C-alpha cells in the first residue's frame, strides 16, 4: 500500500449528467486521475483510507437526481468504536454487518414487533435486506412468504388493513453493538446463510449498480475495488 506523499492512480465512476428514472450504464463513465497521498497539516495522528469494497444499494438512485447536487455538509455522531471481527469476511460490513443488516434487524424485530407463528411477507426476498428478514423470521418461528409486486397485491394489503410503516435505519445506529451481539453469533453458528453477489473491479461498477434495478443480482451486490 502506498504511503503518504506518494503519487497514485485513482479510478472513478462519474455521472455524465443528472438522470431520471432508473440509472443506465450510458449515464456513467470511468475515468482515471493521478493524486498525491498526503495527510493534512496538523493531523499528526491522521490516517489514509483505501477503499477495498463498494456497496451497491437501491437507495443510491436518489443521488442521481438534480435535487441531490453535491454540497458541503457533515454528520456528527456520538463516539462509537467499531472493530473488525477477523473471523468474518471484511465484505460483510457492506451488508449483513452494515446498513442492510441493521435495516433487516431493526425493521423486523423493533418496527414489526413479530410474534412466533405469525405470517411474514417479504418483497425482494433475494436482496441484501430481504434475504436476512426471511431468515430472522424463520429463527423467530414465523411462516415466511416472499411476495411479488403488483397493483393487485398492493390493494390486497389495503383491503386486509395491513399496517404500513416507514422507518430510517440511522435512527438505530446507536444500537449497533446490540445488533452485533445478535448477528455475529448467528453467522458463526451457521444459523444465517448470507449470499453476496460480487463484481470485480471498479470499471464494472456502473453495470453492478444498474443491475440492481433489473433483478440481475442474487444476494447483496458489491464491487471489489481491490483485494488488499
Protein backbone atom coordinates (compact mmCIF):
# COMPACT_ATOMS: atom_id res chain seq x y z
CA UNK A 1 0.00 0.00 0.00
CA UNK A 2 1.30 3.44 -0.90
CA UNK A 3 2.35 5.77 1.89
CA UNK A 4 1.79 9.48 2.47
CA UNK A 5 3.46 11.66 -0.14
CA UNK A 6 3.36 9.05 -2.90
CA UNK A 7 1.52 9.61 -6.18
CA UNK A 8 -1.08 7.03 -7.14
CA UNK A 9 -3.63 6.50 -9.89
CA UNK A 10 -7.24 6.77 -8.79
CA UNK A 11 -10.11 5.31 -10.81
CA UNK A 12 -13.52 6.98 -10.55
CA UNK A 13 -17.05 6.34 -11.78
CA UNK A 14 -18.62 9.64 -12.81
CA UNK A 15 -22.10 10.61 -13.97
CA UNK A 16 -22.34 12.42 -17.29
CA UNK A 17 -25.42 14.32 -16.12
CA UNK A 18 -28.34 14.07 -13.74
CA UNK A 19 -30.71 11.35 -14.79
CA UNK A 20 -34.36 10.49 -14.33
CA UNK A 21 -35.83 7.10 -13.59
CA UNK A 22 -33.61 4.06 -13.25
CA UNK A 23 -29.88 4.58 -13.97
CA UNK A 24 -28.32 3.33 -17.22
CA UNK A 25 -24.73 2.39 -17.93
CA UNK A 26 -24.67 5.10 -20.59
CA UNK A 27 -25.28 7.67 -17.82
CA UNK A 28 -21.83 6.91 -16.36
CA UNK A 29 -18.21 6.67 -17.41
CA UNK A 30 -14.96 5.54 -15.82
CA UNK A 31 -12.02 7.96 -15.53
CA UNK A 32 -8.55 7.70 -14.02
CA UNK A 33 -6.79 10.59 -12.29
CA UNK A 34 -3.46 10.99 -10.51
CA UNK A 35 -3.42 12.04 -6.88
CA UNK A 36 -0.78 12.67 -4.23
CA UNK A 37 -1.42 10.86 -0.96
CA UNK A 38 -0.95 13.18 1.98
CA UNK A 39 -2.29 13.73 5.46
CA UNK A 40 -3.37 17.37 6.01
CA UNK A 41 -1.04 19.50 8.13
CA UNK A 42 -1.90 19.36 11.81
CA UNK A 43 -3.34 15.86 11.66
CA UNK A 44 -0.39 14.08 13.24
CA UNK A 45 -2.48 11.03 14.03
CA UNK A 46 -4.34 11.08 10.73
CA UNK A 47 -4.80 8.05 8.52
CA UNK A 48 -5.12 7.40 4.82
CA UNK A 49 -8.07 5.24 3.84
CA UNK A 50 -8.12 2.87 0.89
CA UNK A 51 -11.45 1.57 -0.41
CA UNK A 52 -11.49 -2.19 -0.92
CA UNK A 53 -15.24 -2.74 -1.31
CA UNK A 54 -18.10 -0.60 -2.56
CA UNK A 55 -21.71 -1.30 -1.65
CA UNK A 56 -24.43 -1.11 -4.31
CA UNK A 57 -27.85 -0.33 -2.83
CA UNK A 58 -31.23 0.66 -4.33
CA UNK A 59 -31.44 3.86 -2.27
CA UNK A 60 -28.50 5.26 -4.25
CA UNK A 61 -30.85 6.06 -7.11
CA UNK A 62 -31.85 9.30 -5.36
CA UNK A 63 -28.30 10.65 -5.67
CA UNK A 64 -28.68 10.66 -9.45
CA UNK A 65 -31.39 13.32 -9.21
CA UNK A 66 -30.69 17.02 -9.64
CA UNK A 67 -32.20 17.86 -6.24
CA UNK A 68 -29.29 15.98 -4.67
CA UNK A 69 -26.49 18.05 -6.19
CA UNK A 70 -23.28 17.91 -4.14
CA UNK A 71 -22.98 20.42 -1.30
CA UNK A 72 -20.91 20.92 1.80
CA UNK A 73 -22.25 19.17 4.87
CA UNK A 74 -21.17 16.85 7.65
CA UNK A 75 -22.68 14.46 10.15
CA UNK A 76 -21.89 14.40 13.84
CA UNK A 77 -22.35 11.04 15.52
CA UNK A 78 -21.67 10.06 19.14
CA UNK A 79 -18.28 8.44 19.74
CA UNK A 80 -18.53 4.81 18.63
CA UNK A 81 -15.77 2.21 18.50
CA UNK A 82 -16.05 -0.26 15.62
CA UNK A 83 -13.65 -3.17 15.33
CA UNK A 84 -13.33 -5.74 12.57
CA UNK A 85 -14.08 -9.24 13.78
CA UNK A 86 -11.45 -11.01 11.69
CA UNK A 87 -13.23 -14.37 11.70
CA UNK A 88 -15.84 -12.98 9.29
CA UNK A 89 -15.16 -11.59 5.79
CA UNK A 90 -14.47 -7.86 5.66
CA UNK A 91 -17.03 -7.54 2.85
CA UNK A 92 -19.79 -8.47 5.32
CA UNK A 93 -19.56 -4.94 6.70
CA UNK A 94 -21.12 -3.66 3.46
CA UNK A 95 -24.10 -5.93 4.03
CA UNK A 96 -25.11 -8.21 6.86
CA UNK A 97 -22.92 -6.37 9.40
CA UNK A 98 -23.63 -2.95 7.90
CA UNK A 99 -26.60 -0.79 6.95
CA UNK A 100 -28.57 -3.53 5.11
CA UNK A 101 -28.21 -5.89 8.06
CA UNK A 102 -29.30 -3.23 10.51
CA UNK A 103 -32.27 -2.38 8.28
CA UNK A 104 -33.36 -6.01 8.32
CA UNK A 105 -32.77 -6.48 12.05
CA UNK A 106 -34.37 -3.34 13.44
CA UNK A 107 -37.09 -3.27 10.80
CA UNK A 108 -38.15 -6.79 11.69
CA UNK A 109 -37.58 -7.05 15.42
CA UNK A 110 -38.38 -3.49 16.55
CA UNK A 111 -40.65 -1.93 13.93
CA UNK A 112 -42.66 -5.06 13.12
CA UNK A 113 -42.63 -6.48 16.67
CA UNK A 114 -43.21 -10.06 15.41
CA UNK A 115 -44.71 -12.96 17.33
CA UNK A 116 -43.99 -16.65 16.90
CA UNK A 117 -46.35 -18.27 14.41
CA UNK A 118 -47.21 -15.07 12.55
CA UNK A 119 -47.10 -14.88 8.74
CA UNK A 120 -44.34 -12.66 7.33
CA UNK A 121 -44.45 -11.40 3.73
CA UNK A 122 -41.21 -10.17 2.18
CA UNK A 123 -40.71 -8.34 -1.11
CA UNK A 124 -37.33 -8.54 -2.87
CA UNK A 125 -36.66 -11.59 -0.71
CA UNK A 126 -33.39 -12.42 -2.51
CA UNK A 127 -31.80 -8.99 -1.99
CA UNK A 128 -29.44 -7.68 0.67
CA UNK A 129 -32.20 -6.89 3.19
CA UNK A 130 -34.90 -9.36 2.17
CA UNK A 131 -32.69 -12.46 2.47
CA UNK A 132 -31.96 -11.53 6.09
CA UNK A 133 -35.51 -10.64 7.10
CA UNK A 134 -36.63 -14.04 5.85
CA UNK A 135 -34.05 -15.81 7.98
CA UNK A 136 -34.73 -13.66 11.05
CA UNK A 137 -38.42 -14.53 10.67
CA UNK A 138 -37.66 -18.24 10.47
CA UNK A 139 -35.49 -18.00 13.60
CA UNK A 140 -38.48 -16.34 15.28
CA UNK A 141 -40.73 -19.22 14.31
CA UNK A 142 -42.76 -17.27 11.75
CA UNK A 143 -44.21 -18.53 8.47
CA UNK A 144 -42.38 -16.75 5.64
CA UNK A 145 -43.61 -15.96 2.13
CA UNK A 146 -41.79 -13.87 -0.48
CA UNK A 147 -44.21 -11.56 -2.30
CA UNK A 148 -44.26 -10.18 -5.84
CA UNK A 149 -45.12 -6.57 -6.51
CA UNK A 150 -48.24 -5.56 -8.43
CA UNK A 151 -51.21 -3.19 -8.11
CA UNK A 152 -53.38 -6.18 -7.15
CA UNK A 153 -51.09 -7.14 -4.28
CA UNK A 154 -50.96 -3.53 -3.11
CA UNK A 155 -54.75 -3.34 -2.91
CA UNK A 156 -54.82 -6.67 -1.07
CA UNK A 157 -52.68 -5.04 1.61
CA UNK A 158 -55.20 -2.20 1.82
CA UNK A 159 -58.28 -4.44 1.99
CA UNK A 160 -56.73 -6.62 4.69
CA UNK A 161 -55.92 -3.46 6.65
CA UNK A 162 -52.28 -4.43 6.93
CA UNK A 163 -50.21 -1.75 8.65
CA UNK A 164 -47.57 0.01 6.57
CA UNK A 165 -44.90 1.88 8.49
CA UNK A 166 -41.71 3.50 7.28
CA UNK A 167 -38.54 3.96 9.30
CA UNK A 168 -35.00 5.27 8.84
CA UNK A 169 -32.23 2.88 9.86
CA UNK A 170 -29.94 5.72 11.01
CA UNK A 171 -32.31 6.16 13.97
CA UNK A 172 -30.86 2.90 15.29
CA UNK A 173 -27.14 3.50 14.70
CA UNK A 174 -26.55 3.99 18.42
CA UNK A 175 -27.73 0.39 18.94
CA UNK A 176 -25.07 -1.08 16.63
CA UNK A 177 -23.33 -3.04 19.45
CA UNK A 178 -26.67 -4.67 20.35
CA UNK A 179 -27.15 -5.60 16.70
CA UNK A 180 -23.68 -7.20 16.51
CA UNK A 181 -24.30 -9.16 19.71
CA UNK A 182 -27.20 -10.87 17.94
CA UNK A 183 -25.96 -11.23 14.37
CA UNK A 184 -22.32 -12.28 14.84
CA UNK A 185 -23.19 -15.46 16.81
CA UNK A 186 -25.82 -16.32 14.17
CA UNK A 187 -23.13 -16.12 11.47
CA UNK A 188 -20.56 -18.10 13.45
CA UNK A 189 -23.04 -20.83 14.38
CA UNK A 190 -24.36 -21.16 10.83
CA UNK A 191 -27.87 -20.04 11.73
CA UNK A 192 -27.81 -17.47 8.93
CA UNK A 193 -26.67 -18.13 5.37
CA UNK A 194 -25.53 -14.91 3.75
CA UNK A 195 -25.29 -14.56 -0.03
CA UNK A 196 -23.10 -11.99 -1.80
CA UNK A 197 -23.19 -11.07 -5.50
CA UNK A 198 -19.70 -9.73 -6.27
CA UNK A 199 -18.39 -7.79 -9.27
CA UNK A 200 -14.61 -7.48 -9.63
CA UNK A 201 -13.10 -4.09 -10.47
CA UNK A 202 -14.42 -0.55 -10.22
CA UNK A 203 -14.75 -0.45 -14.01
CA UNK A 204 -17.68 -2.85 -13.56
CA UNK A 205 -19.34 -0.54 -11.03
CA UNK A 206 -21.85 1.01 -13.48
CA UNK A 207 -23.13 -2.40 -14.60
CA UNK A 208 -23.34 -3.57 -10.98
CA UNK A 209 -25.47 -0.59 -9.95
CA UNK A 210 -27.73 -0.76 -12.99
CA UNK A 211 -28.27 -4.49 -12.49
CA UNK A 212 -29.92 -3.86 -9.13
CA UNK A 213 -32.95 -2.39 -10.87
CA UNK A 214 -33.43 -5.21 -13.37
CA UNK A 215 -33.21 -8.16 -10.99
CA UNK A 216 -29.73 -9.28 -12.08
CA UNK A 217 -28.37 -9.71 -8.56
CA UNK A 218 -28.96 -12.54 -6.13
CA UNK A 219 -27.91 -11.53 -2.63
CA UNK A 220 -26.00 -8.45 -1.52
CA UNK A 221 -24.47 -6.62 -4.50
CA UNK A 222 -20.99 -5.20 -4.02
CA UNK A 223 -17.96 -4.24 -6.08
CA UNK A 224 -14.42 -5.31 -5.17
CA UNK A 225 -12.16 -2.33 -5.87
CA UNK A 226 -9.01 -4.01 -4.54
CA UNK A 227 -8.23 -7.18 -2.63
CA UNK A 228 -5.62 -5.61 -0.35
